[in-house]
Amino acid sequence: MDKFKEALNNIDPLKRKSILQFLKEYKTSPTPSYRDLLKNVVSILNKNESIIIIGMALYIKEEDKENFLLECVKIGILGKGISE
């Protein structure tokens, strides 16, 4: 958790605000979608900011965590990517 907060503090303030807003929208949405969350975040994160993705996974719904992280691997944000 501390690494996540540290990583957030080390990025551009506007980017940090956007990430936190995306998480808030996910948490307060009546129909939260980890795919929408991922799509929004991927558009602003660099590949070297993967600790932020892992930290975000701590905050999303339990049933979405695995799929969220698998999608991150598939698109190359985490790990080396996998082929289906």
Protein backbone atom coordinates (compact mmCIF):
# COMPACT_ATOMS: atom_id res chain seq x y z
CA MET A 1 0.00 0.00 0.00
CA ASP A 2 2.84 2.39 0.82
CA LYS A 3 4.49 1.73 -2.57
CA PHE A 4 1.18 2.58 -4.27
CA LYS A 5 0.90 5.87 -2.40
CA GLU A 6 4.55 6.65 -3.11
CA ALA A 7 4.08 5.90 -6.82
CA LEU A 8 1.01 8.15 -6.93
CA ASN A 9 2.95 10.94 -5.26
CA ASN A 10 5.72 10.64 -7.86
CA ILE A 11 3.52 11.21 -10.90
CA ASP A 12 2.13 14.38 -12.40
CA PRO A 13 -0.60 15.89 -10.15
CA LEU A 14 -3.15 15.98 -12.99
CA LYS A 15 -2.49 12.33 -13.78
CA ARG A 16 -2.81 11.42 -10.08
CA LYS A 17 -6.11 13.31 -9.84
CA SER A 18 -7.43 11.49 -12.92
CA ILE A 19 -6.46 8.07 -11.56
CA LEU A 20 -8.14 8.77 -8.23
CA GLN A 21 -11.23 10.06 -10.05
CA PHE A 22 -11.40 6.88 -12.16
CA LEU A 23 -11.19 4.77 -9.00
CA LYS A 24 -13.90 6.86 -7.35
CA GLU A 25 -16.19 6.47 -10.38
CA TYR A 26 -15.60 2.71 -10.34
CA LYS A 27 -16.36 2.46 -6.61
CA THR A 28 -19.51 4.59 -6.77
CA SER A 29 -20.95 3.28 -10.02
CA PRO A 30 -24.10 1.15 -9.72
CA THR A 31 -22.60 -1.09 -12.43
CA PRO A 32 -18.82 -0.86 -12.03
CA SER A 33 -16.74 -2.19 -14.90
CA TYR A 34 -13.10 -3.09 -14.43
CA ARG A 35 -12.72 -2.87 -18.22
CA ASP A 36 -13.85 0.77 -18.23
CA LEU A 37 -11.50 1.49 -15.34
CA LEU A 38 -8.61 -0.17 -17.15
CA LYS A 39 -9.39 1.59 -20.44
CA ASN A 40 -9.34 4.98 -18.72
CA VAL A 41 -6.17 4.33 -16.76
CA VAL A 42 -4.21 2.78 -19.64
CA SER A 43 -4.67 5.95 -21.64
CA ILE A 44 -2.70 7.99 -19.09
CA LEU A 45 -0.18 5.58 -17.52
CA ASN A 46 3.28 4.76 -18.79
CA LYS A 47 4.47 1.16 -18.85
CA ASN A 48 6.94 1.89 -16.04
CA GLU A 49 4.07 2.87 -13.72
CA SER A 50 2.84 -0.68 -13.19
CA ILE A 51 2.97 -0.34 -9.38
CA ILE A 52 -0.01 2.01 -9.74
CA ILE A 53 -1.97 -0.70 -11.54
CA ILE A 54 -1.16 -3.22 -8.81
CA GLY A 55 -2.16 -0.69 -6.15
CA MET A 56 -5.44 -0.03 -7.93
CA ALA A 57 -6.18 -3.75 -7.89
CA LEU A 58 -6.28 -3.53 -4.10
CA TYR A 59 -9.23 -1.15 -4.33
CA ILE A 60 -11.42 -2.88 -6.88
CA LYS A 61 -14.10 -5.47 -6.20
CA GLU A 62 -12.82 -8.89 -5.19
CA GLU A 63 -14.54 -10.61 -8.12
CA ASP A 64 -12.88 -8.21 -10.61
CA LYS A 65 -9.30 -8.37 -9.32
CA GLU A 66 -8.14 -11.44 -11.19
CA ASN A 67 -9.68 -10.36 -14.50
CA PHE A 68 -8.33 -6.83 -14.08
CA LEU A 69 -4.78 -8.10 -13.54
CA LEU A 70 -5.04 -10.65 -16.36
CA GLU A 71 -6.14 -7.92 -18.76
CA CYS A 72 -3.15 -5.84 -17.65
CA VAL A 73 -0.83 -8.72 -18.52
CA LYS A 74 -2.53 -9.30 -21.87
CA ILE A 75 -2.14 -5.70 -22.96
CA GLY A 76 1.43 -5.52 -21.68
CA ILE A 77 1.12 -3.20 -18.68
CA LEU A 78 2.21 -5.97 -16.32
CA GLY A 79 4.65 -8.73 -17.14
CA LYS A 80 5.70 -9.50 -20.69
CA GLY A 81 2.20 -10.10 -22.06
CA ILE A 82 0.67 -13.41 -23.03
CA SER A 83 -0.89 -14.76 -26.16
CA GLU A 84 -4.25 -16.43 -26.16
